[in-house]
C-alpha atoms as a PDB file:
ATOM      1  CA  VAL A   1     101.263  63.416 -41.008  1.00  0.00           C
ATOM      2  CA  ASP A   2     101.486  67.010 -39.855  1.00  0.00           C
ATOM      3  CA  PRO A   3     102.582  69.660 -42.389  1.00  0.00           C
ATOM      4  CA  ILE A   4     105.950  70.401 -40.765  1.00  0.00           C
ATOM      5  CA  THR A   5     107.040  66.757 -40.727  1.00  0.00           C
ATOM      6  CA  LEU A   6     105.953  66.234 -44.320  1.00  0.00           C
ATOM      7  CA  THR A   7     107.700  69.459 -45.360  1.00  0.00           C
ATOM      8  CA  ALA A   8     110.911  68.303 -43.685  1.00  0.00           C
ATOM      9  CA  LEU A   9     110.755  64.977 -45.546  1.00  0.00           C
ATOM     10  CA  GLN A  10     110.037  66.653 -48.882  1.00  0.00           C
ATOM     11  CA  THR A  11     112.851  69.165 -48.348  1.00  0.00           C
ATOM     12  CA  ALA A  12     115.312  66.403 -47.445  1.00  0.00           C
ATOM     13  CA  ALA A  13     114.322  64.429 -50.557  1.00  0.00           C
ATOM     14  CA  SER A  14     114.715  67.547 -52.735  1.00  0.00           C
ATOM     15  CA  LEU A  15     118.134  68.242 -51.221  1.00  0.00           C
ATOM     16  CA  ALA A  16     119.298  64.670 -51.830  1.00  0.00           C
ATOM     17  CA  MET A  17     118.072  64.681 -55.434  1.00  0.00           C
ATOM     18  CA  ALA A  18     119.623  68.090 -56.148  1.00  0.00           C
ATOM     19  CA  PHE A  19     122.946  66.989 -54.635  1.00  0.00           C
ATOM     20  CA  LEU A  20     123.027  63.776 -56.671  1.00  0.00           C
ATOM     21  CA  CYS A  21     122.075  65.592 -59.885  1.00  0.00           C
ATOM     22  CA  ALA A  22     124.801  68.183 -59.253  1.00  0.00           C
ATOM     23  CA  LEU A  23     127.349  65.411 -58.903  1.00  0.00           C
ATOM     24  CA  VAL A  24     126.175  63.486 -61.959  1.00  0.00           C
ATOM     25  CA  PHE A  25     125.255  66.251 -64.406  1.00  0.00           C
ATOM     26  CA  ASP A  26     127.409  69.194 -63.321  1.00  0.00           C
ATOM     27  CA  GLY A  27     130.579  67.276 -62.531  1.00  0.00           C
ATOM     28  CA  GLY A  28     130.586  68.145 -58.836  1.00  0.00           C
ATOM     29  CA  ILE A  29     130.044  71.115 -56.592  1.00  0.00           C
ATOM     30  CA  ALA A  30     132.469  74.068 -56.555  1.00  0.00           C
ATOM     31  CA  LEU A  31     131.750  75.767 -53.213  1.00  0.00           C
ATOM     32  CA  ALA A  32     134.821  77.985 -53.394  1.00  0.00           C
ATOM     33  CA  ALA A  33     133.524  79.654 -56.557  1.00  0.00           C
ATOM     34  CA  ALA A  34     130.243  80.744 -54.922  1.00  0.00           C
ATOM     35  CA  THR A  35     130.012  84.474 -54.214  1.00  0.00           C
ATOM     36  CA  PRO A  36     127.812  86.013 -51.490  1.00  0.00           C
ATOM     37  CA  THR A  37     125.253  86.849 -54.198  1.00  0.00           C
ATOM     38  CA  VAL A  38     125.142  83.198 -55.242  1.00  0.00           C
ATOM     39  CA  TRP A  39     124.689  82.089 -51.608  1.00  0.00           C
ATOM     40  CA  GLY A  40     121.909  84.643 -51.154  1.00  0.00           C
ATOM     41  CA  THR A  41     120.164  83.327 -54.238  1.00  0.00           C
ATOM     42  CA  ILE A  42     120.530  79.741 -53.053  1.00  0.00           C
ATOM     43  CA  LEU A  43     119.187  80.663 -49.627  1.00  0.00           C
ATOM     44  CA  TYR A  44     116.208  82.474 -51.142  1.00  0.00           C
ATOM     45  CA  LEU A  45     115.409  79.583 -53.489  1.00  0.00           C
ATOM     46  CA  ALA A  46     115.842  76.963 -50.771  1.00  0.00           C
ATOM     47  CA  LEU A  47     113.835  78.700 -48.048  1.00  0.00           C
ATOM     48  CA  GLY A  48     111.531  81.028 -49.933  1.00  0.00           C
ATOM     49  CA  CYS A  49     110.565  78.784 -52.803  1.00  0.00           C
ATOM     50  CA  THR A  50     111.153  75.196 -51.765  1.00  0.00           C
ATOM     51  CA  VAL A  51     110.509  75.047 -48.013  1.00  0.00           C
ATOM     52  CA  ALA A  52     107.795  77.723 -47.952  1.00  0.00           C
ATOM     53  CA  GLY A  53     106.114  76.215 -51.023  1.00  0.00           C
ATOM     54  CA  TYR A  54     106.033  72.735 -49.514  1.00  0.00           C
ATOM     55  CA  LEU A  55     104.855  74.085 -46.168  1.00  0.00           C
ATOM     56  CA  LEU A  56     102.028  76.145 -47.662  1.00  0.00           C
ATOM     57  CA  GLN A  57     100.878  73.233 -49.815  1.00  0.00           C
ATOM     58  CA  ASN A  58     100.941  70.807 -46.900  1.00  0.00           C
ATOM     59  CA  ALA A  59      99.131  73.259 -44.619  1.00  0.00           C
ATOM     60  CA  ALA A  60      96.475  73.782 -47.304  1.00  0.00           C
ATOM     61  CA  LEU A  61      95.834  70.037 -47.355  1.00  0.00           C
ATOM     62  CA  GLU A  62      94.490  70.317 -43.805  1.00  0.00           C
ATOM     63  CA  GLY A  63      91.714  72.691 -44.895  1.00  0.00           C
ATOM     64  CA  LEU A  64      91.144  71.750 -48.530  1.00  0.00           C
ATOM     65  CA  SER A  65      90.645  68.484 -50.339  1.00  0.00           C
ATOM     66  CA  ALA A  66      93.636  66.914 -52.034  1.00  0.00           C
ATOM     67  CA  ARG A  67      91.770  67.325 -55.337  1.00  0.00           C
ATOM     68  CA  THR A  68      91.449  71.097 -54.859  1.00  0.00           C
ATOM     69  CA  VAL A  69      95.104  71.502 -53.878  1.00  0.00           C
ATOM     70  CA  ALA A  70      96.205  69.413 -56.865  1.00  0.00           C
ATOM     71  CA  LEU A  71      94.134  71.578 -59.215  1.00  0.00           C
ATOM     72  CA  LEU A  72      95.606  74.752 -57.757  1.00  0.00           C
ATOM     73  CA  GLN A  73      99.118  73.349 -58.136  1.00  0.00           C
ATOM     74  CA  CYS A  74      98.428  72.671 -61.829  1.00  0.00           C
ATOM     75  CA  THR A  75      97.976  76.393 -62.391  1.00  0.00           C
ATOM     76  CA  CYS A  76     101.484  77.232 -61.115  1.00  0.00           C
ATOM     77  CA  PRO A  77     103.175  77.237 -64.557  1.00  0.00           C
ATOM     78  CA  VAL A  78     100.440  79.478 -65.954  1.00  0.00           C
ATOM     79  CA  MET A  79     100.661  81.856 -62.990  1.00  0.00           C
ATOM     80  CA  THR A  80     104.447  81.971 -63.342  1.00  0.00           C
ATOM     81  CA  ALA A  81     104.059  82.954 -66.990  1.00  0.00           C
ATOM     82  CA  ALA A  82     101.484  85.617 -66.070  1.00  0.00           C
ATOM     83  CA  PHE A  83     103.698  87.113 -63.346  1.00  0.00           C
ATOM     84  CA  SER A  84     106.684  87.034 -65.727  1.00  0.00           C
ATOM     85  CA  TYR A  85     104.638  88.958 -68.268  1.00  0.00           C
ATOM     86  CA  PHE A  86     103.457  91.631 -65.824  1.00  0.00           C
ATOM     87  CA  LEU A  87     106.648  91.987 -63.772  1.00  0.00           C
ATOM     88  CA  LEU A  88     109.386  91.313 -66.317  1.00  0.00           C
ATOM     89  CA  GLY A  89     107.731  91.935 -69.666  1.00  0.00           C
ATOM     90  CA  GLU A  90     108.392  88.374 -70.857  1.00  0.00           C
ATOM     91  CA  THR A  91     106.099  86.783 -73.416  1.00  0.00           C
ATOM     92  CA  LEU A  92     105.188  83.204 -74.234  1.00  0.00           C
ATOM     93  CA  SER A  93     105.716  81.620 -77.614  1.00  0.00           C
ATOM     94  CA  PRO A  94     102.655  80.330 -79.469  1.00  0.00           C
ATOM     95  CA  ALA A  95     103.444  76.840 -78.171  1.00  0.00           C
ATOM     96  CA  GLY A  96     103.667  78.229 -74.615  1.00  0.00           C
ATOM     97  CA  LEU A  97     100.325  79.988 -75.003  1.00  0.00           C
ATOM     98  CA  ALA A  98      98.783  76.770 -76.319  1.00  0.00           C
ATOM     99  CA  GLY A  99     100.212  74.869 -73.349  1.00  0.00           C
ATOM    100  CA  ALA A 100      98.831  77.425 -70.895  1.00  0.00           C
ATOM    101  CA  GLY A 101      95.448  77.171 -72.605  1.00  0.00           C
ATOM    102  CA  ILE A 102      95.483  73.384 -72.346  1.00  0.00           C
ATOM    103  CA  ILE A 103      96.393  73.525 -68.645  1.00  0.00           C
ATOM    104  CA  LEU A 104      93.626  76.017 -67.894  1.00  0.00           C
ATOM    105  CA  ALA A 105      91.077  74.062 -69.967  1.00  0.00           C
ATOM    106  CA  CYS A 106      91.932  70.859 -68.095  1.00  0.00           C
ATOM    107  CA  VAL A 107      91.675  72.588 -64.712  1.00  0.00           C
ATOM    108  CA  VAL A 108      88.298  74.078 -65.642  1.00  0.00           C
ATOM    109  CA  ALA A 109      87.056  70.747 -67.009  1.00  0.00           C
ATOM    110  CA  GLU A 110      88.128  68.919 -63.863  1.00  0.00           C
ATOM    111  CA  THR A 111      86.531  71.574 -61.677  1.00  0.00           C
ATOM    112  CA  VAL A 112      83.146  71.372 -63.352  1.00  0.00           C
ATOM    113  CA  MET A 113      83.105  67.588 -63.557  1.00  0.00           C
ATOM    114  CA  LYS A 114      81.463  65.906 -60.625  1.00  0.00           C
ATOM    115  CA  GLU A 115      83.653  63.625 -58.611  1.00  0.00           C
ATOM    116  CA  GLU A 116      82.380  60.166 -59.365  1.00  0.00           C
ATOM    117  CA  ALA A 117      81.676  57.795 -56.531  1.00  0.00           C
ATOM    118  CA  PRO A 118      83.516  54.489 -56.762  1.00  0.00           C
ATOM    119  CA  PRO A 119      81.360  51.743 -58.270  1.00  0.00           C
ATOM    120  CA  GLU A 120      79.577  49.611 -55.759  1.00  0.00           C
ATOM    121  CA  GLU A 121      80.930  46.146 -55.397  1.00  0.00           C
ATOM    122  CA  THR A 122      78.530  43.338 -56.060  1.00  0.00           C
ATOM    123  CA  SER A 123      79.084  40.036 -54.440  1.00  0.00           C
ATOM    124  CA  GLU A 124      77.594  36.875 -55.745  1.00  0.00           C
ATOM    125  CA  LYS A 125      76.947  34.229 -53.175  1.00  0.00           C
END
């Protein structure tokens, strides 16, 4: 599947899930209460974060292995925390630091481990 088609399907699924969750957990959607600032934020999050994120990930799958893309995606929470620290001055709690360490350790471990070939099937005749 080409990246644009897959991105469209992922975006549609995200929209449907967000709409259903808004109905169930927020008691509905109040469009009249949304200010232009709120609409700008929604537009940025929908296009800049969701659609662009899906599109970049799907495009990367054409040039990289799924394993590599998955490993890079695992670092997103850690990178978000790092950017929040440098740009906003936010800090992680000790539990957050431990979680970031675990994520990075797992990514490093998976990177250095060789991908095992599937075991050969033996057939008895």
